[in-house]
Amino acid sequence: MKLRSLATAAASLALVGSVAVASPAAAQETGPTLTDLLQAQGGGTDRNWYDFDNLAAGVEVAGLSETLDDPNADLTVFLPNDRAFQALVVDLFGWKYWFRGEAAILDKVASLGAETLETVILYHAVPGQIDAATALSVPRGTALTTVQGGDIKVFPKARFGTAILRDQDRNDFDPFLVRSKLDMKASNGIAHGISLVLRPQDL
């Protein structure tokens, strides 16, 4: 399922609960797109485990750069950092990857293949723009329907300035919003850093 435009998805936002989002027309602003934002925060490999090198590479492997560059794509995107991808690789391929560098983690992420990465990455995107203040104020268990089609449930922890995002894998820890990486604005959406990779199915 190669998506080159998410305008239709954004217009048909499916959201359980009362989350206010921006209209697709709000995405017509000029300036850096979500792809630009991601590339500025990631790209290549380094010793910083808290940027988005693995996600940026995964977007390229999955062929989704144009999707996130679409000026009509009005999205909220949750961005797992490199440490989050390391945790995923450890879970899938073994504990020895706790002691490997970013390049080794990136290779294992790429080995998952374009189709799998596309499914996983689109599970991190929600039509419409949801800022951090909204995410921290919705009722517990509010469900967001992702571009991939699965749901994410939001459990605000306003006292701590974060929220837990419950995915479809019940056997692993759920990610939380990273307070230092919230409300990263792009011309076609908004992005929030998260601590773990969201899983669209039980792994």
C-alpha atoms as a PDB file:
ATOM      1  CA  MET A   1       0.000   0.000   0.000  1.00  0.00           C
ATOM      2  CA  LYS A   2       2.025   2.943  -1.289  1.00  0.00           C
ATOM      3  CA  LEU A   3       0.439   6.201  -0.196  1.00  0.00           C
ATOM      4  CA  ARG A   4       1.529   9.278  -2.107  1.00  0.00           C
ATOM      5  CA  SER A   5      -1.162  11.606  -0.795  1.00  0.00           C
ATOM      6  CA  LEU A   6      -2.974  11.606   2.519  1.00  0.00           C
ATOM      7  CA  ALA A   7      -5.408  14.403   1.746  1.00  0.00           C
ATOM      8  CA  THR A   8      -8.316  11.985   1.559  1.00  0.00           C
ATOM      9  CA  ALA A   9      -7.308  10.276   4.789  1.00  0.00           C
ATOM     10  CA  ALA A  10      -7.008  13.598   6.562  1.00  0.00           C
ATOM     11  CA  ALA A  11     -10.426  14.655   5.364  1.00  0.00           C
ATOM     12  CA  SER A  12     -12.000  11.444   6.626  1.00  0.00           C
ATOM     13  CA  LEU A  13     -10.450  11.567  10.092  1.00  0.00           C
ATOM     14  CA  ALA A  14     -11.708   8.720  12.281  1.00  0.00           C
ATOM     15  CA  LEU A  15     -11.283   9.612  15.939  1.00  0.00           C
ATOM     16  CA  VAL A  16     -13.056   8.088  18.934  1.00  0.00           C
ATOM     17  CA  GLY A  17     -13.495  10.791  21.566  1.00  0.00           C
ATOM     18  CA  SER A  18     -13.578  14.552  21.492  1.00  0.00           C
ATOM     19  CA  VAL A  19     -10.150  15.515  20.199  1.00  0.00           C
ATOM     20  CA  ALA A  20     -10.095  18.817  18.335  1.00  0.00           C
ATOM     21  CA  VAL A  21      -7.853  18.787  15.257  1.00  0.00           C
ATOM     22  CA  ALA A  22      -6.940  21.260  12.572  1.00  0.00           C
ATOM     23  CA  SER A  23      -8.675  21.045   9.211  1.00  0.00           C
ATOM     24  CA  PRO A  24      -6.776  19.826   6.108  1.00  0.00           C
ATOM     25  CA  ALA A  25      -6.774  23.415   4.819  1.00  0.00           C
ATOM     26  CA  ALA A  26      -4.381  24.310   7.650  1.00  0.00           C
ATOM     27  CA  ALA A  27      -1.715  22.227   5.921  1.00  0.00           C
ATOM     28  CA  GLN A  28      -1.377  24.700   3.057  1.00  0.00           C
ATOM     29  CA  GLU A  29       1.210  26.802   4.905  1.00  0.00           C
ATOM     30  CA  THR A  30       4.673  27.249   3.439  1.00  0.00           C
ATOM     31  CA  GLY A  31       7.808  26.122   5.179  1.00  0.00           C
ATOM     32  CA  PRO A  32       9.546  22.872   6.153  1.00  0.00           C
ATOM     33  CA  THR A  33       7.463  19.724   5.718  1.00  0.00           C
ATOM     34  CA  LEU A  34       7.384  16.684   7.997  1.00  0.00           C
ATOM     35  CA  THR A  35      10.060  15.109   5.788  1.00  0.00           C
ATOM     36  CA  ASP A  36      12.269  18.194   6.240  1.00  0.00           C
ATOM     37  CA  LEU A  37      11.688  18.123   9.990  1.00  0.00           C
ATOM     38  CA  LEU A  38      12.605  14.435  10.204  1.00  0.00           C
ATOM     39  CA  GLN A  39      15.731  14.824   8.090  1.00  0.00           C
ATOM     40  CA  ALA A  40      16.851  17.773  10.227  1.00  0.00           C
ATOM     41  CA  GLN A  41      16.472  15.618  13.358  1.00  0.00           C
ATOM     42  CA  GLY A  42      18.022  12.500  11.841  1.00  0.00           C
ATOM     43  CA  GLY A  43      19.996  11.130   8.909  1.00  0.00           C
ATOM     44  CA  GLY A  44      23.085   8.943   8.893  1.00  0.00           C
ATOM     45  CA  THR A  45      24.372   7.450  12.135  1.00  0.00           C
ATOM     46  CA  ASP A  46      25.971   9.063  15.155  1.00  0.00           C
ATOM     47  CA  ARG A  47      26.339   8.554  18.892  1.00  0.00           C
ATOM     48  CA  ASN A  48      23.148  10.387  19.759  1.00  0.00           C
ATOM     49  CA  TRP A  49      20.515   7.771  20.623  1.00  0.00           C
ATOM     50  CA  TYR A  50      17.823  10.386  21.118  1.00  0.00           C
ATOM     51  CA  ASP A  51      17.439  11.754  17.605  1.00  0.00           C
ATOM     52  CA  PHE A  52      15.657  10.013  14.710  1.00  0.00           C
ATOM     53  CA  ASP A  53      18.282   8.477  12.407  1.00  0.00           C
ATOM     54  CA  ASN A  54      16.622   5.046  12.319  1.00  0.00           C
ATOM     55  CA  LEU A  55      13.180   6.482  11.655  1.00  0.00           C
ATOM     56  CA  ALA A  56      14.516   8.693   8.859  1.00  0.00           C
ATOM     57  CA  ALA A  57      16.146   5.634   7.271  1.00  0.00           C
ATOM     58  CA  GLY A  58      12.971   3.586   7.722  1.00  0.00           C
ATOM     59  CA  VAL A  59      10.916   6.250   5.962  1.00  0.00           C
ATOM     60  CA  GLU A  60      13.280   6.085   2.983  1.00  0.00           C
ATOM     61  CA  VAL A  61      13.280   2.264   2.847  1.00  0.00           C
ATOM     62  CA  ALA A  62       9.474   2.228   3.015  1.00  0.00           C
ATOM     63  CA  GLY A  63       9.197   4.815   0.234  1.00  0.00           C
ATOM     64  CA  LEU A  64       7.264   7.257   2.433  1.00  0.00           C
ATOM     65  CA  SER A  65       9.395  10.382   2.036  1.00  0.00           C
ATOM     66  CA  GLU A  66       7.011  11.792  -0.585  1.00  0.00           C
ATOM     67  CA  THR A  67       4.043  11.058   1.667  1.00  0.00           C
ATOM     68  CA  LEU A  68       5.509  13.093   4.530  1.00  0.00           C
ATOM     69  CA  ASP A  69       6.533  15.770   2.028  1.00  0.00           C
ATOM     70  CA  ASP A  70       2.983  16.137   0.653  1.00  0.00           C
ATOM     71  CA  PRO A  71       1.781  19.703   1.342  1.00  0.00           C
ATOM     72  CA  ASN A  72      -1.779  18.369   1.656  1.00  0.00           C
ATOM     73  CA  ALA A  73      -0.871  15.773   4.293  1.00  0.00           C
ATOM     74  CA  ASP A  74      -2.341  17.239   7.479  1.00  0.00           C
ATOM     75  CA  LEU A  75      -0.935  14.838  10.079  1.00  0.00           C
ATOM     76  CA  THR A  76       0.139  14.212  13.626  1.00  0.00           C
ATOM     77  CA  VAL A  77       3.221  11.968  13.572  1.00  0.00           C
ATOM     78  CA  PHE A  78       4.752  10.215  16.578  1.00  0.00           C
ATOM     79  CA  LEU A  79       8.533   9.900  16.224  1.00  0.00           C
ATOM     80  CA  PRO A  80      10.369   7.014  17.971  1.00  0.00           C
ATOM     81  CA  ASN A  81      13.974   7.910  18.726  1.00  0.00           C
ATOM     82  CA  ASP A  82      16.996   5.727  17.968  1.00  0.00           C
ATOM     83  CA  ARG A  83      16.944   4.181  21.440  1.00  0.00           C
ATOM     84  CA  ALA A  84      13.349   3.144  20.798  1.00  0.00           C
ATOM     85  CA  PHE A  85      14.433   1.308  17.649  1.00  0.00           C
ATOM     86  CA  GLN A  86      17.292  -0.317  19.543  1.00  0.00           C
ATOM     87  CA  ALA A  87      14.753  -1.672  22.049  1.00  0.00           C
ATOM     88  CA  LEU A  88      12.666  -3.022  19.165  1.00  0.00           C
ATOM     89  CA  VAL A  89      15.679  -4.717  17.567  1.00  0.00           C
ATOM     90  CA  VAL A  90      16.667  -6.265  20.914  1.00  0.00           C
ATOM     91  CA  ASP A  91      13.151  -7.645  21.292  1.00  0.00           C
ATOM     92  CA  LEU A  92      13.127  -9.088  17.764  1.00  0.00           C
ATOM     93  CA  PHE A  93      16.741 -10.215  17.309  1.00  0.00           C
ATOM     94  CA  GLY A  94      18.288 -10.684  20.756  1.00  0.00           C
ATOM     95  CA  TRP A  95      19.866  -8.938  23.733  1.00  0.00           C
ATOM     96  CA  LYS A  96      23.316  -8.637  22.085  1.00  0.00           C
ATOM     97  CA  TYR A  97      22.025  -5.576  20.222  1.00  0.00           C
ATOM     98  CA  TRP A  98      22.064  -3.592  23.465  1.00  0.00           C
ATOM     99  CA  PHE A  99      25.831  -3.518  22.918  1.00  0.00           C
ATOM    100  CA  ARG A 100      25.844  -2.597  19.232  1.00  0.00           C
ATOM    101  CA  GLY A 101      26.156   0.829  17.683  1.00  0.00           C
ATOM    102  CA  GLU A 102      23.586   2.765  15.693  1.00  0.00           C
ATOM    103  CA  ALA A 103      24.819   1.428  12.352  1.00  0.00           C
ATOM    104  CA  ALA A 104      24.099  -2.167  13.404  1.00  0.00           C
ATOM    105  CA  ILE A 105      20.642  -1.201  14.647  1.00  0.00           C
ATOM    106  CA  LEU A 106      19.909   0.644  11.413  1.00  0.00           C
ATOM    107  CA  ASP A 107      20.915  -2.443   9.381  1.00  0.00           C
ATOM    108  CA  LYS A 108      18.498  -4.647  11.365  1.00  0.00           C
ATOM    109  CA  VAL A 109      15.707  -2.093  11.011  1.00  0.00           C
ATOM    110  CA  ALA A 110      16.273  -1.999   7.228  1.00  0.00           C
ATOM    111  CA  SER A 111      16.224  -5.823   7.141  1.00  0.00           C
ATOM    112  CA  LEU A 112      12.562  -5.760   8.181  1.00  0.00           C
ATOM    113  CA  GLY A 113      11.760  -4.758   4.602  1.00  0.00           C
ATOM    114  CA  ALA A 114       9.787  -2.005   2.934  1.00  0.00           C
ATOM    115  CA  GLU A 115       6.327  -3.495   3.455  1.00  0.00           C
ATOM    116  CA  THR A 116       6.777  -4.094   7.187  1.00  0.00           C
ATOM    117  CA  LEU A 117       8.357  -0.677   7.732  1.00  0.00           C
ATOM    118  CA  GLU A 118       5.552   1.014   5.801  1.00  0.00           C
ATOM    119  CA  THR A 119       2.946  -0.658   8.023  1.00  0.00           C
ATOM    120  CA  VAL A 120       4.809   0.288  11.207  1.00  0.00           C
ATOM    121  CA  ILE A 121       5.534   3.888  10.179  1.00  0.00           C
ATOM    122  CA  LEU A 122       1.956   4.578   9.014  1.00  0.00           C
ATOM    123  CA  TYR A 123       0.793   3.302  12.415  1.00  0.00           C
ATOM    124  CA  HIS A 124       2.667   6.304  13.850  1.00  0.00           C
ATOM    125  CA  ALA A 125       0.668   8.826  11.786  1.00  0.00           C
ATOM    126  CA  VAL A 126      -2.791  10.176  12.642  1.00  0.00           C
ATOM    127  CA  PRO A 127      -4.848  12.384  10.291  1.00  0.00           C
ATOM    128  CA  GLY A 128      -5.305  15.919  11.631  1.00  0.00           C
ATOM    129  CA  GLN A 129      -3.077  17.905  13.957  1.00  0.00           C
ATOM    130  CA  ILE A 130      -3.153  17.127  17.684  1.00  0.00           C
ATOM    131  CA  ASP A 131      -0.937  19.317  19.818  1.00  0.00           C
ATOM    132  CA  ALA A 132       0.518  18.291  23.177  1.00  0.00           C
ATOM    133  CA  ALA A 133      -1.986  20.341  25.191  1.00  0.00           C
ATOM    134  CA  THR A 134      -4.834  18.436  23.546  1.00  0.00           C
ATOM    135  CA  ALA A 135      -3.137  15.067  24.025  1.00  0.00           C
ATOM    136  CA  LEU A 136      -2.724  15.797  27.742  1.00  0.00           C
ATOM    137  CA  SER A 137      -6.347  16.796  28.247  1.00  0.00           C
ATOM    138  CA  VAL A 138      -8.390  14.124  26.446  1.00  0.00           C
ATOM    139  CA  PRO A 139     -10.350  11.501  28.442  1.00  0.00           C
ATOM    140  CA  ARG A 140      -8.331   8.411  29.409  1.00  0.00           C
ATOM    141  CA  GLY A 141      -8.511   5.774  26.704  1.00  0.00           C
ATOM    142  CA  THR A 142      -9.368   8.160  23.870  1.00  0.00           C
ATOM    143  CA  ALA A 143      -8.713   6.228  20.648  1.00  0.00           C
ATOM    144  CA  LEU A 144      -6.921   7.652  17.632  1.00  0.00           C
ATOM    145  CA  THR A 145      -7.354   5.875  14.308  1.00  0.00           C
ATOM    146  CA  THR A 146      -4.030   5.864  12.456  1.00  0.00           C
ATOM    147  CA  VAL A 147      -3.326   6.117   8.749  1.00  0.00           C
ATOM    148  CA  GLN A 148      -2.389   2.415   8.899  1.00  0.00           C
ATOM    149  CA  GLY A 149      -5.919   1.672  10.087  1.00  0.00           C
ATOM    150  CA  GLY A 150      -5.236   0.477  13.626  1.00  0.00           C
ATOM    151  CA  ASP A 151      -6.024   2.376  16.805  1.00  0.00           C
ATOM    152  CA  ILE A 152      -3.803   3.952  19.446  1.00  0.00           C
ATOM    153  CA  LYS A 153      -5.313   4.768  22.846  1.00  0.00           C
ATOM    154  CA  VAL A 154      -4.182   7.860  24.735  1.00  0.00           C
ATOM    155  CA  PHE A 155      -3.805   7.893  28.524  1.00  0.00           C
ATOM    156  CA  PRO A 156      -2.802  11.403  29.650  1.00  0.00           C
ATOM    157  CA  LYS A 157      -0.425  11.879  32.573  1.00  0.00           C
ATOM    158  CA  ALA A 158      -0.889  15.652  32.791  1.00  0.00           C
ATOM    159  CA  ARG A 159       0.805  15.848  36.194  1.00  0.00           C
ATOM    160  CA  PHE A 160       4.015  14.639  34.531  1.00  0.00           C
ATOM    161  CA  GLY A 161       3.543  16.529  31.274  1.00  0.00           C
ATOM    162  CA  THR A 162       3.239  13.405  29.164  1.00  0.00           C
ATOM    163  CA  ALA A 163       0.821  10.746  27.941  1.00  0.00           C
ATOM    164  CA  ILE A 164       1.021   6.983  27.478  1.00  0.00           C
ATOM    165  CA  LEU A 165       0.158   5.663  24.012  1.00  0.00           C
ATOM    166  CA  ARG A 166      -1.265   2.147  24.157  1.00  0.00           C
ATOM    167  CA  ASP A 167      -0.665   0.155  20.983  1.00  0.00           C
ATOM    168  CA  GLN A 168      -1.834  -3.275  19.761  1.00  0.00           C
ATOM    169  CA  ASP A 169       0.924  -5.285  21.469  1.00  0.00           C
ATOM    170  CA  ARG A 170      -0.242  -6.167  24.969  1.00  0.00           C
ATOM    171  CA  ASN A 171       2.978  -7.981  25.971  1.00  0.00           C
ATOM    172  CA  ASP A 172       5.392  -5.051  25.835  1.00  0.00           C
ATOM    173  CA  PHE A 173       5.755  -1.621  27.380  1.00  0.00           C
ATOM    174  CA  ASP A 174       3.848   1.227  25.773  1.00  0.00           C
ATOM    175  CA  PRO A 175       5.644   4.423  24.713  1.00  0.00           C
ATOM    176  CA  PHE A 176       5.150   7.816  26.291  1.00  0.00           C
ATOM    177  CA  LEU A 177       5.477  11.306  24.848  1.00  0.00           C
ATOM    178  CA  VAL A 178       8.984  12.718  25.353  1.00  0.00           C
ATOM    179  CA  ARG A 179       8.545  16.124  26.997  1.00  0.00           C
ATOM    180  CA  SER A 180      11.562  17.698  25.268  1.00  0.00           C
ATOM    181  CA  LYS A 181      10.305  16.656  21.804  1.00  0.00           C
ATOM    182  CA  LEU A 182       6.701  17.893  21.722  1.00  0.00           C
ATOM    183  CA  ASP A 183       4.910  20.168  19.263  1.00  0.00           C
ATOM    184  CA  MET A 184       7.495  20.093  16.488  1.00  0.00           C
ATOM    185  CA  LYS A 185       5.635  22.066  13.848  1.00  0.00           C
ATOM    186  CA  ALA A 186       5.843  21.503  10.100  1.00  0.00           C
ATOM    187  CA  SER A 187       3.929  23.109   7.261  1.00  0.00           C
ATOM    188  CA  ASN A 188       1.887  19.929   6.756  1.00  0.00           C
ATOM    189  CA  GLY A 189       1.566  18.606  10.298  1.00  0.00           C
ATOM    190  CA  ILE A 190       2.925  18.335  13.797  1.00  0.00           C
ATOM    191  CA  ALA A 191       5.270  15.776  15.376  1.00  0.00           C
ATOM    192  CA  HIS A 192       5.937  14.491  18.891  1.00  0.00           C
ATOM    193  CA  GLY A 193       8.858  12.380  20.040  1.00  0.00           C
ATOM    194  CA  ILE A 194       8.018   9.076  21.779  1.00  0.00           C
ATOM    195  CA  SER A 195      10.092   6.672  23.869  1.00  0.00           C
ATOM    196  CA  LEU A 196       9.346   3.360  22.127  1.00  0.00           C
ATOM    197  CA  VAL A 197       8.182   2.124  18.724  1.00  0.00           C
ATOM    198  CA  LEU A 198       4.401   1.738  18.474  1.00  0.00           C
ATOM    199  CA  ARG A 199       3.418  -1.783  17.442  1.00  0.00           C
ATOM    200  CA  PRO A 200       0.421  -2.348  15.157  1.00  0.00           C
ATOM    201  CA  GLN A 201       0.154  -6.000  16.208  1.00  0.00           C
ATOM    202  CA  ASP A 202       1.264  -8.399  18.941  1.00  0.00           C
ATOM    203  CA  LEU A 203       4.925  -9.216  18.357  1.00  0.00           C
END
